Protein backbone atom coordinates (compact mmCIF):
# COMPACT_ATOMS: atom_id res chain seq x y z
CA MET A 1 -1.73 21.85 0.65
CA LYS A 2 -5.42 22.66 0.86
CA LYS A 3 -6.87 19.74 2.83
CA THR A 4 -5.50 17.24 5.33
CA ARG A 5 -6.34 13.58 6.03
CA ASP A 6 -8.31 14.54 9.13
CA ASN A 7 -10.78 16.89 7.47
CA LEU A 8 -11.62 14.61 4.55
CA SER A 9 -15.08 12.94 4.47
CA TRP A 10 -13.73 9.41 4.64
CA ALA A 11 -17.12 7.79 5.19
CA GLN A 12 -18.38 9.33 1.95
CA LEU A 13 -15.13 8.52 0.08
CA GLU A 14 -15.36 4.90 1.22
CA ALA A 15 -19.02 4.70 0.14
CA ASP A 16 -18.07 6.09 -3.29
CA LEU A 17 -15.28 3.58 -3.68
CA ASP A 18 -17.66 0.72 -2.86
CA ALA A 19 -20.40 1.98 -5.13
CA HIS A 20 -18.46 3.32 -8.13
CA GLY A 21 -14.89 1.98 -7.94
CA HIS A 22 -13.42 5.43 -7.37
CA ALA A 23 -13.77 8.46 -5.12
CA VAL A 24 -12.89 12.11 -5.82
CA VAL A 25 -11.42 14.49 -3.21
CA ASP A 26 -12.23 17.99 -4.38
CA GLY A 27 -9.39 20.47 -4.02
CA LEU A 28 -6.95 18.32 -2.13
CA LEU A 29 -4.08 20.63 -3.29
CA ASP A 30 -4.28 24.37 -3.82
CA PRO A 31 -3.21 25.93 -7.16
CA LEU A 32 0.13 27.16 -5.79
CA CYS A 33 1.11 23.68 -4.57
CA CYS A 34 -0.02 22.11 -7.86
CA ALA A 35 2.10 24.61 -9.86
CA GLY A 36 5.13 24.03 -7.64
CA ILE A 37 4.99 20.24 -8.03
CA ALA A 38 4.50 20.47 -11.82
CA ALA A 39 7.36 22.93 -12.18
CA GLY A 40 9.76 20.37 -10.73
CA PHE A 41 9.44 17.93 -13.65
CA ASP A 42 12.86 18.80 -15.09
CA ALA A 43 14.71 18.81 -11.73
CA ASP A 44 16.81 15.70 -12.45
CA ALA A 45 18.16 15.31 -8.93
CA THR A 46 14.63 14.76 -7.58
CA PHE A 47 13.95 11.69 -9.68
CA ARG A 48 15.39 8.20 -10.11
CA ASN A 49 14.07 7.44 -13.59
CA ARG A 50 12.36 8.89 -16.66
CA VAL A 51 9.97 6.77 -18.74
CA VAL A 52 9.06 7.72 -22.30
CA MET A 53 5.78 5.83 -22.79
CA ALA A 54 6.07 5.29 -26.55
CA ARG A 55 9.26 3.28 -26.10
CA HIS A 56 7.43 0.67 -24.04
CA GLY A 57 4.01 0.66 -25.71
CA TYR A 58 2.41 2.42 -22.75
CA GLY A 59 0.99 5.25 -24.86
CA GLN A 60 2.53 8.68 -25.47
CA GLY A 61 3.88 11.14 -22.97
CA GLU A 62 6.40 10.72 -20.22
CA TYR A 63 6.64 10.28 -16.47
CA ARG A 64 9.35 10.38 -13.84
CA TYR A 65 9.66 8.30 -10.65
CA TYR A 66 10.68 10.32 -7.61
CA ASP A 67 13.77 9.20 -5.69
CA TYR A 68 14.16 9.08 -1.92
CA PRO A 69 14.02 11.34 -0.01
CA LEU A 70 10.67 12.38 -1.54
CA PRO A 71 9.91 16.10 -1.78
CA ASP A 72 8.00 17.25 1.32
CA PRO A 73 4.59 17.67 -0.26
CA VAL A 74 4.74 14.20 -1.89
CA ALA A 75 5.98 12.48 1.24
CA ALA A 76 3.35 14.22 3.39
CA LEU A 77 0.52 13.17 1.08
CA ARG A 78 1.70 9.57 0.93
CA THR A 79 2.06 9.32 4.71
CA SER A 80 -1.16 11.13 5.65
CA LEU A 81 -3.52 9.39 3.18
CA TYR A 82 -2.29 5.88 3.85
CA PRO A 83 -3.91 5.03 7.25
CA ALA A 84 -7.51 5.59 6.13
CA LEU A 85 -6.80 3.81 2.86
CA ALA A 86 -5.25 0.88 4.75
CA ALA A 87 -8.48 0.45 6.72
CA ILE A 88 -10.46 0.29 3.45
CA ALA A 89 -7.91 -2.08 1.93
CA ASN A 90 -8.16 -4.43 4.95
CA ARG A 91 -11.95 -4.50 4.68
CA TRP A 92 -11.74 -5.23 0.92
CA HIS A 93 -9.28 -8.08 1.49
CA ALA A 94 -11.55 -9.59 4.15
CA ALA A 95 -14.50 -9.41 1.72
CA LEU A 96 -12.44 -11.16 -0.95
CA ASN A 97 -10.99 -13.78 1.42
CA ILE A 98 -7.46 -12.54 0.86
CA ASP A 99 -5.27 -13.16 3.86
CA THR A 100 -2.95 -10.12 3.51
CA ARG A 101 -3.58 -7.26 5.93
CA PHE A 102 -1.95 -3.84 6.02
CA PRO A 103 -0.48 -2.05 9.08
CA SER A 104 -1.98 1.34 9.97
CA ASP A 105 1.36 3.15 9.59
CA HIS A 106 2.88 3.62 6.15
CA ALA A 107 6.46 3.31 7.40
CA ASP A 108 5.65 -0.15 8.71
CA TYR A 109 4.18 -1.19 5.34
CA LEU A 110 7.22 0.16 3.52
CA ALA A 111 9.45 -1.87 5.81
CA ARG A 112 7.53 -4.94 4.63
CA CYS A 113 8.14 -3.97 1.02
CA HIS A 114 11.80 -3.25 1.57
CA ALA A 115 12.38 -6.54 3.35
CA ALA A 116 11.13 -8.26 0.19
CA GLY A 117 13.49 -6.27 -2.00
CA GLN A 118 10.96 -3.66 -3.13
CA ILE A 119 13.05 -0.58 -2.22
CA LYS A 120 12.47 1.87 -5.09
CA PRO A 121 9.96 4.69 -4.47
CA THR A 122 6.95 4.67 -6.80
CA PRO A 123 5.37 8.17 -6.61
CA GLN A 124 5.53 9.67 -10.08
CA LEU A 125 5.05 12.91 -11.92
CA LEU A 126 3.43 12.55 -15.38
CA ARG A 127 3.50 15.04 -18.29
CA TYR A 128 1.32 14.85 -21.40
CA GLY A 129 1.42 17.12 -24.42
CA PRO A 130 -0.81 17.35 -27.51
CA GLY A 131 -1.61 13.87 -28.86
CA ASP A 132 -0.34 12.12 -25.70
CA TYR A 133 -2.33 9.47 -23.81
CA ASN A 134 -1.90 6.59 -21.38
CA ARG A 135 -3.16 3.10 -22.23
CA LEU A 136 -5.30 1.22 -19.75
CA HIS A 137 -3.01 -0.49 -17.25
CA GLN A 138 -2.36 -1.53 -13.63
CA ASP A 139 0.56 -0.27 -11.52
CA LEU A 140 2.03 -3.56 -10.20
CA TYR A 141 5.68 -3.58 -9.13
CA GLY A 142 6.33 -6.73 -7.18
CA GLU A 143 4.93 -9.28 -4.72
CA HIS A 144 3.60 -6.61 -2.33
CA VAL A 145 0.76 -4.55 -3.84
CA PHE A 146 -1.26 -2.00 -1.90
CA PRO A 147 -4.80 -2.15 -3.31
CA LEU A 148 -5.48 1.60 -3.65
CA GLN A 149 -3.69 4.52 -5.26
CA VAL A 150 -4.26 8.22 -5.82
CA ALA A 151 -3.85 10.53 -8.81
CA ILE A 152 -3.92 14.31 -8.40
CA LEU A 153 -4.51 16.60 -11.38
CA LEU A 154 -2.00 19.48 -11.25
CA SER A 155 -3.12 21.36 -14.38
CA ARG A 156 -6.28 23.33 -15.25
CA PRO A 157 -8.59 21.54 -17.70
CA GLY A 158 -9.92 23.88 -20.36
CA LYS A 159 -7.10 26.39 -19.67
CA ASP A 160 -3.80 24.51 -19.50
CA PHE A 161 -5.03 21.59 -21.65
CA THR A 162 -8.06 20.08 -23.36
CA GLY A 163 -8.91 16.38 -23.58
CA GLY A 164 -6.86 14.16 -21.30
CA GLU A 165 -9.72 12.71 -19.29
CA PHE A 166 -9.04 10.17 -16.54
CA ILE A 167 -10.59 6.83 -17.43
CA LEU A 168 -11.34 3.73 -15.39
CA THR A 169 -12.58 0.36 -16.61
CA GLU A 170 -14.16 -2.38 -14.55
CA GLN A 171 -14.39 -6.02 -15.62
CA ARG A 172 -17.07 -8.11 -13.90
CA PRO A 173 -17.07 -11.91 -14.25
CA ARG A 174 -18.71 -13.05 -17.47
CA MET A 175 -19.59 -9.47 -18.48
CA GLN A 176 -18.16 -6.87 -20.80
CA SER A 177 -16.06 -4.06 -19.33
CA ARG A 178 -17.63 -0.92 -17.93
CA ALA A 179 -15.80 2.35 -18.60
CA GLU A 180 -16.14 5.52 -16.60
CA VAL A 181 -14.68 9.01 -17.23
CA VAL A 182 -13.85 10.80 -13.98
CA PRO A 183 -14.10 14.57 -14.24
CA LEU A 184 -11.35 16.41 -12.34
CA THR A 185 -10.37 20.02 -11.83
CA GLN A 186 -6.97 21.34 -10.73
CA GLY A 187 -6.02 20.02 -7.34
CA ASP A 188 -8.60 17.26 -7.29
CA ALA A 189 -7.51 13.76 -6.31
CA VAL A 190 -9.10 10.50 -7.50
CA ILE A 191 -8.73 7.40 -5.31
CA PHE A 192 -9.05 4.14 -7.21
CA PRO A 193 -8.07 0.45 -7.08
CA VAL A 194 -4.68 -0.67 -8.32
CA ARG A 195 -5.82 -4.08 -9.56
CA ARG A 196 -9.19 -5.18 -8.23
CA ARG A 197 -12.02 -4.41 -5.82
CA PRO A 198 -14.85 -6.35 -4.25
CA GLY A 199 -18.25 -6.36 -5.96
CA GLN A 200 -21.42 -7.59 -4.39
CA GLY A 201 -23.00 -10.53 -6.19
CA LYS A 202 -25.92 -12.84 -5.54
CA HIS A 203 -23.71 -15.27 -3.62
CA GLY A 204 -21.33 -12.90 -1.87
CA HIS A 205 -18.44 -10.77 -3.14
CA HIS A 206 -16.51 -11.39 -6.30
CA ARG A 207 -13.37 -9.76 -7.65
CA LEU A 208 -13.74 -6.88 -10.15
CA THR A 209 -10.66 -6.25 -12.27
CA MET A 210 -9.81 -2.56 -12.67
CA ARG A 211 -7.60 -0.66 -15.12
CA HIS A 212 -6.99 3.02 -15.55
CA GLY A 213 -5.61 5.37 -18.20
CA VAL A 214 -5.80 8.84 -19.72
CA SER A 215 -7.53 9.76 -22.98
CA ARG A 216 -5.75 11.76 -25.71
CA VAL A 217 -4.72 15.31 -24.83
CA ARG A 218 -5.90 17.55 -27.63
CA THR A 219 -4.15 20.80 -26.75
CA GLY A 220 -1.79 22.13 -24.10
CA GLU A 221 0.08 20.33 -21.36
CA ARG A 222 -1.31 18.14 -18.57
CA PHE A 223 0.60 17.26 -15.34
CA THR A 224 -0.47 14.63 -12.81
CA LEU A 225 0.98 13.48 -9.49
CA GLY A 226 0.63 9.72 -8.98
CA LEU A 227 0.78 8.27 -5.46
CA ILE A 228 1.39 4.54 -5.26
CA PHE A 229 1.80 3.19 -1.74
CA HIS A 230 3.92 0.07 -2.37
CA ASP A 231 7.50 0.43 -3.48
CA ALA A 232 9.08 -1.37 -6.45
CA GLY A 233 11.67 -4.07 -6.80
């Protein structure tokens, strides 16, 4: 692991999230860690489920949900990133007049999820080959939804694969959707909303609906680690 929660520029990341609907952490993981996580895709004992996207209309490609106990790098990332993200999530909910607040410790938040029957881990490892893509979507798995998630690119664009850009769309009230392509290099992480974020309007904040996806991979193979902070039912 290249960076830790404590040496990230959280003030700048928070400002980027507010201004653009996403924030990029350059080089969160080093190449060796990226390669090690990607190499584990076929280790069946590590995962609870495999999803072939075409079978469900999600796109093309496949992803696997990790099982508990999570591999050490995945568990460490989820635990260490959560507290700063929870502070942002609480501010966003206050701006949108949503009553739900999030504890500062991820274990406490998972206890809330598990008490509601959301007990399945949601971190996932995604693999795309030539022609694969992921349709625009939101990762919602039950009543309890943490507002932010993280995707980490494990492969080298231009070397391991071409195409496969990360895409976000934002829907403002009574306006057409805005799309943004987020450039990433190996080990970069993008932080983005799961479902919505606050947007400043003339009369206060309004809710902006967000979706994310991946454009068509043209050549090679693309691996991504997805960190979702609520568990599934």
